[in-house]
């Protein structure tokens, strides 16, 4: 049961980072790829039917962590409460920018909403990337499983490590590539052309940067990510937007799985002493609790997956970014 629920947890995080990844990418890129209000609106409309539904996977991931691995949940939320609160506030700003953008016809109003959307999306991505870096690097856990330190330093110190910085930059690169390939796949006209160009050039620049980082750090994950960037850029250059988006999505999914399985059965590494690390068995709920939530999971999860697949099928057509005479 522990292995089953850990797999469900990783699946929820993978779906969140992939699906919300292109949402955040579109939010970041819309003010830059759209040269006027019509083009920016076309870019944002590509995620209109999906963004709030994709957030369900964040709720699912946090809920599964709380129910199936309460000790892990307690350590993470107590140690990283400030960045978590910042993420929630930025998600609220993003939601307001998306929902209120169409409430006023003023171009200045919509422009401000577009920049709020871009800033909040970038902030969420950078914070999540930094925290994924923390998951790999670990926290200063003592023998009792508690994080040492107090005050602001306890919550902010883990975010100023090289691992957190590399995670933030990698997350931003992955998000930009996801957003560019998604816009190339889901739009027509000038936005599509600029998105294809960005995916091609971004893939090339990302390949060079990740290769240098991989050689400097000896990280195989970074080298594999460089290959994914190269493949995505090559596919975008050939006009195969769907394959390019799939390549980036698979790369993001693989990175998330690697982060959560980097230390085997250890879910949170102690930087003070490996013996003080938190394992899946230690973090898991009781067998009876796991059996109880399994009943709900088997009923709810397939329905959510089926509904989301249906919604993506219904809204599968491209959005025109060029002006069409009526």
C-alpha atoms as a PDB file:
ATOM      1  CA  UNK A   1       0.000   0.000   0.000  1.00  0.00           C
ATOM      2  CA  UNK A   2       2.863   2.373   0.743  1.00  0.00           C
ATOM      3  CA  UNK A   3       4.380   1.828  -2.699  1.00  0.00           C
ATOM      4  CA  UNK A   4       0.971   2.179  -4.359  1.00  0.00           C
ATOM      5  CA  UNK A   5       0.225   5.518  -2.705  1.00  0.00           C
ATOM      6  CA  UNK A   6       3.723   6.802  -3.344  1.00  0.00           C
ATOM      7  CA  UNK A   7       3.185   6.039  -7.048  1.00  0.00           C
ATOM      8  CA  UNK A   8      -0.168   7.885  -6.953  1.00  0.00           C
ATOM      9  CA  UNK A   9       1.534  10.827  -5.265  1.00  0.00           C
ATOM     10  CA  UNK A  10       4.264  11.014  -7.916  1.00  0.00           C
ATOM     11  CA  UNK A  11       1.609  10.722 -10.651  1.00  0.00           C
ATOM     12  CA  UNK A  12      -0.307  13.665  -9.173  1.00  0.00           C
ATOM     13  CA  UNK A  13       2.846  15.810  -9.081  1.00  0.00           C
ATOM     14  CA  UNK A  14       3.752  14.803 -12.642  1.00  0.00           C
ATOM     15  CA  UNK A  15       0.304  15.764 -13.933  1.00  0.00           C
ATOM     16  CA  UNK A  16       0.421  19.046 -12.035  1.00  0.00           C
ATOM     17  CA  UNK A  17       3.840  20.119 -13.269  1.00  0.00           C
ATOM     18  CA  UNK A  18       3.167  19.075 -16.864  1.00  0.00           C
ATOM     19  CA  UNK A  19      -0.375  20.441 -17.208  1.00  0.00           C
ATOM     20  CA  UNK A  20       0.132  23.557 -15.134  1.00  0.00           C
ATOM     21  CA  UNK A  21       3.576  23.865 -16.684  1.00  0.00           C
ATOM     22  CA  UNK A  22       2.189  24.884 -20.058  1.00  0.00           C
ATOM     23  CA  UNK A  23      -0.408  27.085 -18.321  1.00  0.00           C
ATOM     24  CA  UNK A  24       2.368  28.955 -16.549  1.00  0.00           C
ATOM     25  CA  UNK A  25       4.422  29.009 -19.751  1.00  0.00           C
ATOM     26  CA  UNK A  26       1.602  30.618 -21.713  1.00  0.00           C
ATOM     27  CA  UNK A  27       1.087  33.128 -18.914  1.00  0.00           C
ATOM     28  CA  UNK A  28       4.763  34.094 -18.968  1.00  0.00           C
ATOM     29  CA  UNK A  29       5.004  34.276 -22.766  1.00  0.00           C
ATOM     30  CA  UNK A  30       1.687  35.931 -23.696  1.00  0.00           C
ATOM     31  CA  UNK A  31       2.873  39.559 -23.199  1.00  0.00           C
ATOM     32  CA  UNK A  32       5.993  38.864 -25.276  1.00  0.00           C
ATOM     33  CA  UNK A  33       4.602  36.753 -28.117  1.00  0.00           C
ATOM     34  CA  UNK A  34       1.467  38.868 -28.508  1.00  0.00           C
ATOM     35  CA  UNK A  35       2.193  42.249 -30.097  1.00  0.00           C
ATOM     36  CA  UNK A  36      -1.281  43.672 -29.465  1.00  0.00           C
ATOM     37  CA  UNK A  37      -4.288  42.997 -27.263  1.00  0.00           C
ATOM     38  CA  UNK A  38      -5.894  40.662 -29.821  1.00  0.00           C
ATOM     39  CA  UNK A  39      -2.814  38.442 -30.096  1.00  0.00           C
ATOM     40  CA  UNK A  40      -2.254  38.355 -26.343  1.00  0.00           C
ATOM     41  CA  UNK A  41      -5.904  37.468 -25.864  1.00  0.00           C
ATOM     42  CA  UNK A  42      -5.607  34.629 -28.384  1.00  0.00           C
ATOM     43  CA  UNK A  43      -2.615  33.210 -26.500  1.00  0.00           C
ATOM     44  CA  UNK A  44      -4.420  33.362 -23.166  1.00  0.00           C
ATOM     45  CA  UNK A  45      -7.583  31.791 -24.618  1.00  0.00           C
ATOM     46  CA  UNK A  46      -5.626  28.611 -25.338  1.00  0.00           C
ATOM     47  CA  UNK A  47      -5.498  27.885 -21.593  1.00  0.00           C
ATOM     48  CA  UNK A  48      -8.890  29.363 -20.712  1.00  0.00           C
ATOM     49  CA  UNK A  49     -10.763  26.036 -20.537  1.00  0.00           C
ATOM     50  CA  UNK A  50      -7.981  24.203 -18.710  1.00  0.00           C
ATOM     51  CA  UNK A  51      -6.052  26.232 -16.133  1.00  0.00           C
ATOM     52  CA  UNK A  52      -8.434  25.944 -13.192  1.00  0.00           C
ATOM     53  CA  UNK A  53      -9.005  22.233 -13.859  1.00  0.00           C
ATOM     54  CA  UNK A  54      -5.263  21.612 -13.962  1.00  0.00           C
ATOM     55  CA  UNK A  55      -4.938  23.065 -10.460  1.00  0.00           C
ATOM     56  CA  UNK A  56      -6.923  20.065  -9.222  1.00  0.00           C
ATOM     57  CA  UNK A  57      -3.703  18.041  -9.374  1.00  0.00           C
ATOM     58  CA  UNK A  58      -2.018  20.351  -6.872  1.00  0.00           C
ATOM     59  CA  UNK A  59      -4.911  19.785  -4.491  1.00  0.00           C
ATOM     60  CA  UNK A  60      -4.652  16.041  -5.162  1.00  0.00           C
ATOM     61  CA  UNK A  61      -0.884  15.974  -4.563  1.00  0.00           C
ATOM     62  CA  UNK A  62      -1.115  17.924  -1.304  1.00  0.00           C
ATOM     63  CA  UNK A  63      -4.128  15.873  -0.201  1.00  0.00           C
ATOM     64  CA  UNK A  64      -2.421  12.538  -0.886  1.00  0.00           C
ATOM     65  CA  UNK A  65       0.689  13.695   0.964  1.00  0.00           C
ATOM     66  CA  UNK A  66      -1.438  14.726   3.959  1.00  0.00           C
ATOM     67  CA  UNK A  67      -3.498  11.528   4.013  1.00  0.00           C
ATOM     68  CA  UNK A  68      -0.939   8.879   3.015  1.00  0.00           C
ATOM     69  CA  UNK A  69       2.351  10.392   4.271  1.00  0.00           C
ATOM     70  CA  UNK A  70       1.447  12.710   7.188  1.00  0.00           C
ATOM     71  CA  UNK A  71       4.972  12.840   8.656  1.00  0.00           C
ATOM     72  CA  UNK A  72       6.395  13.969   5.302  1.00  0.00           C
ATOM     73  CA  UNK A  73       3.640  16.554   4.983  1.00  0.00           C
ATOM     74  CA  UNK A  74       4.338  17.898   8.478  1.00  0.00           C
ATOM     75  CA  UNK A  75       8.074  18.309   7.889  1.00  0.00           C
ATOM     76  CA  UNK A  76       7.709  19.961   4.477  1.00  0.00           C
ATOM     77  CA  UNK A  77       4.984  22.383   5.471  1.00  0.00           C
ATOM     78  CA  UNK A  78       6.704  23.377   8.704  1.00  0.00           C
ATOM     79  CA  UNK A  79      10.091  23.854   7.024  1.00  0.00           C
ATOM     80  CA  UNK A  80       8.926  25.562   3.824  1.00  0.00           C
ATOM     81  CA  UNK A  81       5.860  27.429   5.005  1.00  0.00           C
ATOM     82  CA  UNK A  82       6.917  30.850   3.655  1.00  0.00           C
ATOM     83  CA  UNK A  83       7.514  29.744   0.039  1.00  0.00           C
ATOM     84  CA  UNK A  84       4.315  27.680   0.205  1.00  0.00           C
ATOM     85  CA  UNK A  85       2.334  30.724   1.334  1.00  0.00           C
ATOM     86  CA  UNK A  86       3.992  32.797  -1.390  1.00  0.00           C
ATOM     87  CA  UNK A  87       2.960  30.197  -3.995  1.00  0.00           C
ATOM     88  CA  UNK A  88      -0.653  30.288  -2.806  1.00  0.00           C
ATOM     89  CA  UNK A  89      -0.733  34.094  -2.951  1.00  0.00           C
ATOM     90  CA  UNK A  90       0.787  34.124  -6.444  1.00  0.00           C
ATOM     91  CA  UNK A  91      -1.735  31.509  -7.596  1.00  0.00           C
ATOM     92  CA  UNK A  92      -4.488  33.784  -6.295  1.00  0.00           C
ATOM     93  CA  UNK A  93      -3.026  36.719  -8.263  1.00  0.00           C
ATOM     94  CA  UNK A  94      -2.868  34.559 -11.388  1.00  0.00           C
ATOM     95  CA  UNK A  95      -6.491  33.507 -10.982  1.00  0.00           C
ATOM     96  CA  UNK A  96      -7.630  37.108 -10.531  1.00  0.00           C
ATOM     97  CA  UNK A  97      -5.639  38.225 -13.596  1.00  0.00           C
ATOM     98  CA  UNK A  98      -7.204  35.513 -15.749  1.00  0.00           C
ATOM     99  CA  UNK A  99     -10.761  35.942 -14.480  1.00  0.00           C
ATOM    100  CA  UNK A 100     -10.834  39.754 -14.395  1.00  0.00           C
ATOM    101  CA  UNK A 101      -8.998  40.357 -17.677  1.00  0.00           C
ATOM    102  CA  UNK A 102     -12.235  40.314 -19.638  1.00  0.00           C
ATOM    103  CA  UNK A 103     -14.261  42.338 -17.102  1.00  0.00           C
ATOM    104  CA  UNK A 104     -13.213  45.667 -18.621  1.00  0.00           C
ATOM    105  CA  UNK A 105     -12.782  46.758 -22.235  1.00  0.00           C
ATOM    106  CA  UNK A 106      -9.902  49.141 -21.529  1.00  0.00           C
ATOM    107  CA  UNK A 107      -6.665  48.069 -23.291  1.00  0.00           C
ATOM    108  CA  UNK A 108      -4.660  49.439 -20.347  1.00  0.00           C
ATOM    109  CA  UNK A 109      -6.655  47.272 -17.921  1.00  0.00           C
ATOM    110  CA  UNK A 110      -6.042  44.131 -19.973  1.00  0.00           C
ATOM    111  CA  UNK A 111      -2.372  45.002 -20.357  1.00  0.00           C
ATOM    112  CA  UNK A 112      -1.995  45.246 -16.577  1.00  0.00           C
ATOM    113  CA  UNK A 113      -3.748  41.888 -16.163  1.00  0.00           C
ATOM    114  CA  UNK A 114      -1.402  40.353 -18.734  1.00  0.00           C
ATOM    115  CA  UNK A 115       1.675  41.540 -16.831  1.00  0.00           C
ATOM    116  CA  UNK A 116       0.219  40.387 -13.509  1.00  0.00           C
ATOM    117  CA  UNK A 117      -0.384  37.001 -15.106  1.00  0.00           C
ATOM    118  CA  UNK A 118       3.183  36.836 -16.415  1.00  0.00           C
ATOM    119  CA  UNK A 119       4.758  37.924 -13.124  1.00  0.00           C
ATOM    120  CA  UNK A 120       2.692  35.611 -10.923  1.00  0.00           C
ATOM    121  CA  UNK A 121       3.241  32.645 -13.267  1.00  0.00           C
ATOM    122  CA  UNK A 122       7.008  33.198 -13.311  1.00  0.00           C
ATOM    123  CA  UNK A 123       7.081  33.581  -9.532  1.00  0.00           C
ATOM    124  CA  UNK A 124       5.207  30.320  -8.961  1.00  0.00           C
ATOM    125  CA  UNK A 125       7.501  28.460 -11.371  1.00  0.00           C
ATOM    126  CA  UNK A 126      10.685  29.765  -9.746  1.00  0.00           C
ATOM    127  CA  UNK A 127       9.456  28.894  -6.243  1.00  0.00           C
ATOM    128  CA  UNK A 128       8.362  25.383  -7.230  1.00  0.00           C
ATOM    129  CA  UNK A 129      11.634  24.781  -9.036  1.00  0.00           C
ATOM    130  CA  UNK A 130      13.615  25.917  -5.992  1.00  0.00           C
ATOM    131  CA  UNK A 131      11.613  23.594  -3.754  1.00  0.00           C
ATOM    132  CA  UNK A 132      12.160  20.651  -6.083  1.00  0.00           C
ATOM    133  CA  UNK A 133      15.866  21.393  -5.754  1.00  0.00           C
ATOM    134  CA  UNK A 134      15.414  21.309  -1.976  1.00  0.00           C
ATOM    135  CA  UNK A 135      13.713  17.897  -2.236  1.00  0.00           C
ATOM    136  CA  UNK A 136      16.835  16.533  -3.944  1.00  0.00           C
ATOM    137  CA  UNK A 137      19.367  18.297  -1.708  1.00  0.00           C
ATOM    138  CA  UNK A 138      17.492  17.625   1.536  1.00  0.00           C
ATOM    139  CA  UNK A 139      16.798  19.533   4.742  1.00  0.00           C
ATOM    140  CA  UNK A 140      18.621  19.869   8.057  1.00  0.00           C
ATOM    141  CA  UNK A 141      16.673  17.127   9.877  1.00  0.00           C
ATOM    142  CA  UNK A 142      17.763  16.152  13.364  1.00  0.00           C
ATOM    143  CA  UNK A 143      17.440  12.763  15.022  1.00  0.00           C
ATOM    144  CA  UNK A 144      13.802  13.499  15.949  1.00  0.00           C
ATOM    145  CA  UNK A 145      12.869  14.205  12.328  1.00  0.00           C
ATOM    146  CA  UNK A 146      12.441  17.929  12.916  1.00  0.00           C
ATOM    147  CA  UNK A 147      14.089  20.716  10.930  1.00  0.00           C
ATOM    148  CA  UNK A 148      16.612  22.675  12.964  1.00  0.00           C
ATOM    149  CA  UNK A 149      16.523  26.453  13.113  1.00  0.00           C
ATOM    150  CA  UNK A 150      13.845  29.041  13.763  1.00  0.00           C
ATOM    151  CA  UNK A 151      12.354  32.202  12.328  1.00  0.00           C
ATOM    152  CA  UNK A 152      12.723  33.311   8.732  1.00  0.00           C
ATOM    153  CA  UNK A 153      16.062  31.569   8.295  1.00  0.00           C
ATOM    154  CA  UNK A 154      14.510  28.162   8.847  1.00  0.00           C
ATOM    155  CA  UNK A 155      12.095  28.618   5.947  1.00  0.00           C
ATOM    156  CA  UNK A 156      14.224  30.693   3.580  1.00  0.00           C
ATOM    157  CA  UNK A 157      17.711  29.203   4.039  1.00  0.00           C
ATOM    158  CA  UNK A 158      16.928  26.053   1.991  1.00  0.00           C
ATOM    159  CA  UNK A 159      16.024  28.258  -0.988  1.00  0.00           C
ATOM    160  CA  UNK A 160      19.451  29.928  -1.230  1.00  0.00           C
ATOM    161  CA  UNK A 161      21.432  26.771  -1.966  1.00  0.00           C
ATOM    162  CA  UNK A 162      22.944  25.920  -5.373  1.00  0.00           C
ATOM    163  CA  UNK A 163      20.491  23.023  -5.731  1.00  0.00           C
ATOM    164  CA  UNK A 164      17.531  25.355  -5.236  1.00  0.00           C
ATOM    165  CA  UNK A 165      18.927  27.884  -7.706  1.00  0.00           C
ATOM    166  CA  UNK A 166      19.535  25.237 -10.354  1.00  0.00           C
ATOM    167  CA  UNK A 167      16.050  23.848  -9.781  1.00  0.00           C
ATOM    168  CA  UNK A 168      14.486  27.298 -10.205  1.00  0.00           C
ATOM    169  CA  UNK A 169      16.317  27.978 -13.479  1.00  0.00           C
ATOM    170  CA  UNK A 170      15.556  24.504 -14.842  1.00  0.00           C
ATOM    171  CA  UNK A 171      11.882  24.919 -13.961  1.00  0.00           C
ATOM    172  CA  UNK A 172      11.704  28.279 -15.739  1.00  0.00           C
ATOM    173  CA  UNK A 173      13.380  26.826 -18.848  1.00  0.00           C
ATOM    174  CA  UNK A 174      11.040  23.838 -18.890  1.00  0.00           C
ATOM    175  CA  UNK A 175       8.015  26.076 -18.426  1.00  0.00           C
ATOM    176  CA  UNK A 176       9.019  28.405 -21.258  1.00  0.00           C
ATOM    177  CA  UNK A 177       9.564  25.450 -23.601  1.00  0.00           C
ATOM    178  CA  UNK A 178       6.254  23.880 -22.570  1.00  0.00           C
ATOM    179  CA  UNK A 179       4.439  27.170 -23.129  1.00  0.00           C
ATOM    180  CA  UNK A 180       6.113  27.816 -26.490  1.00  0.00           C
ATOM    181  CA  UNK A 181       5.432  24.340 -27.867  1.00  0.00           C
ATOM    182  CA  UNK A 182       1.853  24.435 -26.547  1.00  0.00           C
ATOM    183  CA  UNK A 183       1.188  27.794 -28.225  1.00  0.00           C
ATOM    184  CA  UNK A 184       2.755  26.485 -31.431  1.00  0.00           C
ATOM    185  CA  UNK A 185       0.375  23.527 -31.255  1.00  0.00           C
ATOM    186  CA  UNK A 186      -2.771  25.440 -30.283  1.00  0.00           C
ATOM    187  CA  UNK A 187      -2.641  28.719 -32.247  1.00  0.00           C
ATOM    188  CA  UNK A 188      -2.505  29.958 -35.818  1.00  0.00           C
ATOM    189  CA  UNK A 189      -1.057  33.105 -37.309  1.00  0.00           C
ATOM    190  CA  UNK A 190       1.682  35.340 -35.891  1.00  0.00           C
ATOM    191  CA  UNK A 191       1.595  33.932 -32.353  1.00  0.00           C
ATOM    192  CA  UNK A 192       2.189  30.466 -33.731  1.00  0.00           C
ATOM    193  CA  UNK A 193       5.134  31.612 -35.837  1.00  0.00           C
ATOM    194  CA  UNK A 194       6.761  33.395 -32.899  1.00  0.00           C
ATOM    195  CA  UNK A 195       6.129  30.416 -30.609  1.00  0.00           C
ATOM    196  CA  UNK A 196       7.794  28.043 -33.084  1.00  0.00           C
ATOM    197  CA  UNK A 197      10.783  30.374 -33.348  1.00  0.00           C
ATOM    198  CA  UNK A 198      11.037  30.626 -29.563  1.00  0.00           C
ATOM    199  CA  UNK A 199      10.786  26.853 -29.145  1.00  0.00           C
ATOM    200  CA  UNK A 200      13.530  26.349 -31.710  1.00  0.00           C
ATOM    201  CA  UNK A 201      15.890  28.982 -30.285  1.00  0.00           C
ATOM    202  CA  UNK A 202      14.999  28.174 -26.684  1.00  0.00           C
ATOM    203  CA  UNK A 203      15.731  24.509 -27.285  1.00  0.00           C
ATOM    204  CA  UNK A 204      19.154  25.361 -28.714  1.00  0.00           C
ATOM    205  CA  UNK A 205      20.061  27.763 -25.901  1.00  0.00           C
ATOM    206  CA  UNK A 206      18.736  25.355 -23.286  1.00  0.00           C
ATOM    207  CA  UNK A 207      20.794  22.537 -24.764  1.00  0.00           C
ATOM    208  CA  UNK A 208      24.021  24.548 -24.510  1.00  0.00           C
ATOM    209  CA  UNK A 209      23.258  25.810 -20.999  1.00  0.00           C
ATOM    210  CA  UNK A 210      22.273  22.409 -19.646  1.00  0.00           C
ATOM    211  CA  UNK A 211      25.289  20.731 -21.219  1.00  0.00           C
ATOM    212  CA  UNK A 212      27.588  23.225 -19.519  1.00  0.00           C
ATOM    213  CA  UNK A 213      25.760  22.780 -16.205  1.00  0.00           C
ATOM    214  CA  UNK A 214      25.852  18.991 -16.552  1.00  0.00           C
ATOM    215  CA  UNK A 215      29.581  18.942 -17.255  1.00  0.00           C
ATOM    216  CA  UNK A 216      30.271  21.333 -14.365  1.00  0.00           C
ATOM    217  CA  UNK A 217      28.173  19.435 -11.828  1.00  0.00           C
ATOM    218  CA  UNK A 218      28.454  15.897 -13.187  1.00  0.00           C
ATOM    219  CA  UNK A 219      24.663  15.611 -13.079  1.00  0.00           C
ATOM    220  CA  UNK A 220      23.244  12.979 -15.410  1.00  0.00           C
ATOM    221  CA  UNK A 221      19.782  14.478 -14.987  1.00  0.00           C
ATOM    222  CA  UNK A 222      21.015  17.764 -16.436  1.00  0.00           C
ATOM    223  CA  UNK A 223      22.649  16.014 -19.383  1.00  0.00           C
ATOM    224  CA  UNK A 224      19.446  14.112 -20.147  1.00  0.00           C
ATOM    225  CA  UNK A 225      17.513  17.398 -19.957  1.00  0.00           C
ATOM    226  CA  UNK A 226      19.936  18.858 -22.506  1.00  0.00           C
ATOM    227  CA  UNK A 227      19.090  16.020 -24.901  1.00  0.00           C
ATOM    228  CA  UNK A 228      15.369  16.674 -24.410  1.00  0.00           C
ATOM    229  CA  UNK A 229      15.870  20.381 -25.198  1.00  0.00           C
ATOM    230  CA  UNK A 230      17.788  19.503 -28.348  1.00  0.00           C
ATOM    231  CA  UNK A 231      15.089  17.076 -29.533  1.00  0.00           C
ATOM    232  CA  UNK A 232      12.317  19.597 -28.824  1.00  0.00           C
ATOM    233  CA  UNK A 233      14.132  22.340 -30.738  1.00  0.00           C
ATOM    234  CA  UNK A 234      14.784  20.034 -33.686  1.00  0.00           C
ATOM    235  CA  UNK A 235      11.132  18.935 -33.843  1.00  0.00           C
ATOM    236  CA  UNK A 236       9.925  22.533 -33.628  1.00  0.00           C
ATOM    237  CA  UNK A 237      12.264  23.471 -36.479  1.00  0.00           C
ATOM    238  CA  UNK A 238      10.655  20.761 -38.627  1.00  0.00           C
ATOM    239  CA  UNK A 239       7.143  22.002 -37.874  1.00  0.00           C
ATOM    240  CA  UNK A 240       6.184  19.007 -35.725  1.00  0.00           C
ATOM    241  CA  UNK A 241       4.600  20.989 -32.904  1.00  0.00           C
ATOM    242  CA  UNK A 242       2.786  18.032 -31.356  1.00  0.00           C
ATOM    243  CA  UNK A 243       5.927  15.922 -31.156  1.00  0.00           C
ATOM    244  CA  UNK A 244       7.909  18.875 -29.770  1.00  0.00           C
ATOM    245  CA  UNK A 245       5.331  19.460 -27.033  1.00  0.00           C
ATOM    246  CA  UNK A 246       5.282  15.746 -26.209  1.00  0.00           C
ATOM    247  CA  UNK A 247       9.080  15.653 -25.955  1.00  0.00           C
ATOM    248  CA  UNK A 248       9.149  18.566 -23.507  1.00  0.00           C
ATOM    249  CA  UNK A 249       6.250  17.110 -21.493  1.00  0.00           C
ATOM    250  CA  UNK A 250       8.019  13.742 -21.225  1.00  0.00           C
ATOM    251  CA  UNK A 251      11.190  15.548 -20.159  1.00  0.00           C
ATOM    252  CA  UNK A 252       9.354  17.465 -17.427  1.00  0.00           C
ATOM    253  CA  UNK A 253       7.610  14.283 -16.259  1.00  0.00           C
ATOM    254  CA  UNK A 254      10.915  12.419 -16.149  1.00  0.00           C
ATOM    255  CA  UNK A 255      12.526  15.219 -14.137  1.00  0.00           C
ATOM    256  CA  UNK A 256       9.714  15.154 -11.572  1.00  0.00           C
ATOM    257  CA  UNK A 257       9.907  11.363 -11.215  1.00  0.00           C
ATOM    258  CA  UNK A 258      13.687  11.602 -10.811  1.00  0.00           C
ATOM    259  CA  UNK A 259      13.347  14.223  -8.070  1.00  0.00           C
ATOM    260  CA  UNK A 260      10.966  12.088  -6.024  1.00  0.00           C
ATOM    261  CA  UNK A 261      12.944   8.860  -6.480  1.00  0.00           C
ATOM    262  CA  UNK A 262      16.477  10.312  -6.321  1.00  0.00           C
ATOM    263  CA  UNK A 263      17.190   8.739  -2.927  1.00  0.00           C
ATOM    264  CA  UNK A 264      15.318   5.449  -3.284  1.00  0.00           C
ATOM    265  CA  UNK A 265      13.067   4.779  -0.318  1.00  0.00           C
ATOM    266  CA  UNK A 266      14.144   8.034   1.356  1.00  0.00           C
ATOM    267  CA  UNK A 267      11.548  10.753   0.722  1.00  0.00           C
ATOM    268  CA  UNK A 268      13.452  13.522   2.501  1.00  0.00           C
ATOM    269  CA  UNK A 269      17.204  13.402   2.970  1.00  0.00           C
ATOM    270  CA  UNK A 270      18.842  14.794   6.105  1.00  0.00           C
ATOM    271  CA  UNK A 271      21.815  17.011   5.301  1.00  0.00           C
ATOM    272  CA  UNK A 272      23.136  16.500   8.861  1.00  0.00           C
ATOM    273  CA  UNK A 273      23.239  12.711   9.007  1.00  0.00           C
ATOM    274  CA  UNK A 274      21.928  10.194   6.423  1.00  0.00           C
ATOM    275  CA  UNK A 275      20.633   8.041   9.283  1.00  0.00           C
ATOM    276  CA  UNK A 276      18.216  10.819  10.226  1.00  0.00           C
ATOM    277  CA  UNK A 277      16.597  10.876   6.779  1.00  0.00           C
ATOM    278  CA  UNK A 278      12.855  10.308   6.458  1.00  0.00           C
ATOM    279  CA  UNK A 279      11.841   7.125   4.622  1.00  0.00           C
ATOM    280  CA  UNK A 280       8.547   6.175   3.006  1.00  0.00           C
ATOM    281  CA  UNK A 281       7.754   3.653   5.715  1.00  0.00           C
ATOM    282  CA  UNK A 282       8.403   6.176   8.485  1.00  0.00           C
ATOM    283  CA  UNK A 283       6.373   8.877   6.764  1.00  0.00           C
ATOM    284  CA  UNK A 284       3.396   6.680   5.826  1.00  0.00           C
ATOM    285  CA  UNK A 285       0.063   6.504   7.597  1.00  0.00           C
ATOM    286  CA  UNK A 286      -1.149   3.340   9.292  1.00  0.00           C
ATOM    287  CA  UNK A 287      -2.185   0.375   7.091  1.00  0.00           C
ATOM    288  CA  UNK A 288      -5.848   0.804   8.036  1.00  0.00           C
ATOM    289  CA  UNK A 289      -5.755   4.485   7.031  1.00  0.00           C
ATOM    290  CA  UNK A 290      -4.135   3.614   3.700  1.00  0.00           C
ATOM    291  CA  UNK A 291      -6.782   0.983   3.019  1.00  0.00           C
ATOM    292  CA  UNK A 292      -9.542   3.494   3.768  1.00  0.00           C
ATOM    293  CA  UNK A 293      -8.248   6.179   1.421  1.00  0.00           C
ATOM    294  CA  UNK A 294      -7.651   3.561  -1.277  1.00  0.00           C
ATOM    295  CA  UNK A 295     -11.403   3.059  -1.568  1.00  0.00           C
ATOM    296  CA  UNK A 296     -11.928   6.769  -2.231  1.00  0.00           C
ATOM    297  CA  UNK A 297      -8.936   6.949  -4.568  1.00  0.00           C
ATOM    298  CA  UNK A 298     -10.112   4.056  -6.754  1.00  0.00           C
ATOM    299  CA  UNK A 299     -13.494   5.729  -7.179  1.00  0.00           C
ATOM    300  CA  UNK A 300     -12.434   9.365  -7.676  1.00  0.00           C
ATOM    301  CA  UNK A 301      -9.161   9.203  -9.626  1.00  0.00           C
ATOM    302  CA  UNK A 302     -10.443   7.481 -12.816  1.00  0.00           C
ATOM    303  CA  UNK A 303     -13.341   9.939 -13.013  1.00  0.00           C
ATOM    304  CA  UNK A 304     -11.046  12.961 -12.780  1.00  0.00           C
ATOM    305  CA  UNK A 305      -8.733  11.549 -15.454  1.00  0.00           C
ATOM    306  CA  UNK A 306     -11.649  10.752 -17.779  1.00  0.00           C
ATOM    307  CA  UNK A 307     -13.206  14.195 -17.363  1.00  0.00           C
ATOM    308  CA  UNK A 308      -9.944  16.011 -18.060  1.00  0.00           C
ATOM    309  CA  UNK A 309      -9.236  13.885 -21.130  1.00  0.00           C
ATOM    310  CA  UNK A 310     -12.730  14.671 -22.428  1.00  0.00           C
ATOM    311  CA  UNK A 311     -12.291  18.423 -21.850  1.00  0.00           C
ATOM    312  CA  UNK A 312      -8.992  18.449 -23.752  1.00  0.00           C
ATOM    313  CA  UNK A 313     -10.672  16.625 -26.623  1.00  0.00           C
ATOM    314  CA  UNK A 314     -13.580  19.075 -26.754  1.00  0.00           C
ATOM    315  CA  UNK A 315     -11.277  22.128 -26.834  1.00  0.00           C
ATOM    316  CA  UNK A 316      -8.661  20.614 -29.126  1.00  0.00           C
ATOM    317  CA  UNK A 317      -8.917  23.083 -32.036  1.00  0.00           C
ATOM    318  CA  UNK A 318      -6.467  25.915 -32.643  1.00  0.00           C
ATOM    319  CA  UNK A 319      -7.132  29.518 -31.627  1.00  0.00           C
ATOM    320  CA  UNK A 320      -6.653  32.095 -34.400  1.00  0.00           C
ATOM    321  CA  UNK A 321      -4.254  34.891 -33.448  1.00  0.00           C
ATOM    322  CA  UNK A 322      -4.566  36.669 -36.786  1.00  0.00           C
ATOM    323  CA  UNK A 323      -7.450  39.043 -37.370  1.00  0.00           C
ATOM    324  CA  UNK A 324     -10.196  37.456 -39.476  1.00  0.00           C
ATOM    325  CA  UNK A 325     -12.683  39.711 -41.279  1.00  0.00           C
ATOM    326  CA  UNK A 326     -16.282  39.024 -40.320  1.00  0.00           C
END
